[in-house]
Amino acid sequence: MDPLWRDLHKIKAPTLLLWGRDDRTITLEGAQLMLKQIRDVQLHVFGRCGHWVQLERQPEFDALVTGFLGEQS
């Protein structure tokens, strides 16, 4: 994952991060790193949720993504 972390500061677009608090693949510390380095970022953390937020919390995921995309237009 090193190349990803190294280039985070280059992201200029509004960014939405949706994270499962119990993600064991990329832990919440990874989300915190992104939050600190991406300039225009929103982070939403789901409790009792792992790596697959879009499956584990589909209704909330859909609502957040739809709202975020609507704000960008």
C-alpha atoms as a PDB file:
ATOM      1  CA  MET A   1       0.000   0.000   0.000  1.00  0.00           C
ATOM      2  CA  ASP A   2       3.027   2.310   0.220  1.00  0.00           C
ATOM      3  CA  PRO A   3       2.485   3.986  -3.192  1.00  0.00           C
ATOM      4  CA  LEU A   4      -1.100   4.805  -2.200  1.00  0.00           C
ATOM      5  CA  TRP A   5      -0.088   6.435   1.068  1.00  0.00           C
ATOM      6  CA  ARG A   6       2.783   8.329  -0.544  1.00  0.00           C
ATOM      7  CA  ASP A   7       0.524  10.098  -3.074  1.00  0.00           C
ATOM      8  CA  LEU A   8      -2.472  10.988  -0.908  1.00  0.00           C
ATOM      9  CA  HIS A   9      -1.565  14.667  -0.779  1.00  0.00           C
ATOM     10  CA  LYS A  10      -1.953  14.825  -4.577  1.00  0.00           C
ATOM     11  CA  ILE A  11      -5.700  14.157  -4.399  1.00  0.00           C
ATOM     12  CA  LYS A  12      -7.482  17.436  -5.143  1.00  0.00           C
ATOM     13  CA  ALA A  13     -11.024  16.216  -5.800  1.00  0.00           C
ATOM     14  CA  PRO A  14     -13.636  16.141  -3.032  1.00  0.00           C
ATOM     15  CA  THR A  15     -13.295  12.702  -1.466  1.00  0.00           C
ATOM     16  CA  LEU A  16     -15.711  10.556   0.513  1.00  0.00           C
ATOM     17  CA  LEU A  17     -14.283   7.831   2.762  1.00  0.00           C
ATOM     18  CA  LEU A  18     -16.667   5.212   4.120  1.00  0.00           C
ATOM     19  CA  TRP A  19     -15.014   2.954   6.661  1.00  0.00           C
ATOM     20  CA  GLY A  20     -15.909  -0.004   8.805  1.00  0.00           C
ATOM     21  CA  ARG A  21     -14.568   0.445  12.312  1.00  0.00           C
ATOM     22  CA  ASP A  22     -13.805  -3.278  12.509  1.00  0.00           C
ATOM     23  CA  ASP A  23     -12.012  -3.480   9.141  1.00  0.00           C
ATOM     24  CA  ARG A  24      -9.019  -5.807   9.535  1.00  0.00           C
ATOM     25  CA  THR A  25      -7.788  -5.312   5.956  1.00  0.00           C
ATOM     26  CA  ILE A  26      -7.125  -1.579   6.188  1.00  0.00           C
ATOM     27  CA  THR A  27      -7.633  -0.529   9.786  1.00  0.00           C
ATOM     28  CA  LEU A  28      -9.134   2.696  11.042  1.00  0.00           C
ATOM     29  CA  GLU A  29      -5.594   4.052  11.386  1.00  0.00           C
ATOM     30  CA  GLY A  30      -5.390   3.924   7.585  1.00  0.00           C
ATOM     31  CA  ALA A  31      -8.522   6.048   7.381  1.00  0.00           C
ATOM     32  CA  GLN A  32      -7.005   8.540   9.807  1.00  0.00           C
ATOM     33  CA  LEU A  33      -3.929   8.802   7.607  1.00  0.00           C
ATOM     34  CA  MET A  34      -6.112   9.560   4.588  1.00  0.00           C
ATOM     35  CA  LEU A  35      -8.138  12.054   6.589  1.00  0.00           C
ATOM     36  CA  LYS A  36      -5.000  13.970   7.502  1.00  0.00           C
ATOM     37  CA  GLN A  37      -3.489  14.050   4.015  1.00  0.00           C
ATOM     38  CA  ILE A  38      -6.425  14.583   1.634  1.00  0.00           C
ATOM     39  CA  ARG A  39      -7.423  18.233   1.591  1.00  0.00           C
ATOM     40  CA  ASP A  40     -11.164  18.060   0.824  1.00  0.00           C
ATOM     41  CA  VAL A  41     -12.287  14.890   2.583  1.00  0.00           C
ATOM     42  CA  GLN A  42     -15.237  13.516   4.531  1.00  0.00           C
ATOM     43  CA  LEU A  43     -14.946  10.393   6.673  1.00  0.00           C
ATOM     44  CA  HIS A  44     -17.888   8.319   7.872  1.00  0.00           C
ATOM     45  CA  VAL A  45     -17.126   5.403  10.194  1.00  0.00           C
ATOM     46  CA  PHE A  46     -19.600   2.567  10.679  1.00  0.00           C
ATOM     47  CA  GLY A  47     -19.587   0.670  13.954  1.00  0.00           C
ATOM     48  CA  ARG A  48     -19.969  -3.109  13.865  1.00  0.00           C
ATOM     49  CA  CYS A  49     -18.810  -3.130  10.264  1.00  0.00           C
ATOM     50  CA  GLY A  50     -15.788  -4.651   8.526  1.00  0.00           C
ATOM     51  CA  HIS A  51     -14.106  -4.118   5.163  1.00  0.00           C
ATOM     52  CA  TRP A  52     -17.178  -4.374   2.917  1.00  0.00           C
ATOM     53  CA  VAL A  53     -19.181  -1.310   3.962  1.00  0.00           C
ATOM     54  CA  GLN A  54     -21.080  -1.308   0.666  1.00  0.00           C
ATOM     55  CA  LEU A  55     -22.427  -4.800   1.438  1.00  0.00           C
ATOM     56  CA  GLU A  56     -22.603  -4.784   5.218  1.00  0.00           C
ATOM     57  CA  ARG A  57     -24.341  -1.405   5.467  1.00  0.00           C
ATOM     58  CA  GLN A  58     -25.830  -1.020   2.001  1.00  0.00           C
ATOM     59  CA  PRO A  59     -28.723   1.362   2.759  1.00  0.00           C
ATOM     60  CA  GLU A  60     -26.498   3.813   4.652  1.00  0.00           C
ATOM     61  CA  PHE A  61     -23.740   3.461   2.051  1.00  0.00           C
ATOM     62  CA  ASP A  62     -26.167   4.208  -0.787  1.00  0.00           C
ATOM     63  CA  ALA A  63     -27.599   7.252   1.003  1.00  0.00           C
ATOM     64  CA  LEU A  64     -24.182   8.742   1.794  1.00  0.00           C
ATOM     65  CA  VAL A  65     -22.801   8.194  -1.697  1.00  0.00           C
ATOM     66  CA  THR A  66     -25.942   9.588  -3.337  1.00  0.00           C
ATOM     67  CA  GLY A  67     -25.878  12.647  -1.076  1.00  0.00           C
ATOM     68  CA  PHE A  68     -22.175  13.224  -1.638  1.00  0.00           C
ATOM     69  CA  LEU A  69     -22.492  12.977  -5.415  1.00  0.00           C
ATOM     70  CA  GLY A  70     -25.510  15.290  -5.355  1.00  0.00           C
ATOM     71  CA  GLU A  71     -23.469  17.906  -3.494  1.00  0.00           C
ATOM     72  CA  GLN A  72     -20.758  17.773  -6.168  1.00  0.00           C
ATOM     73  CA  SER A  73     -23.050  18.615  -9.092  1.00  0.00           C
END
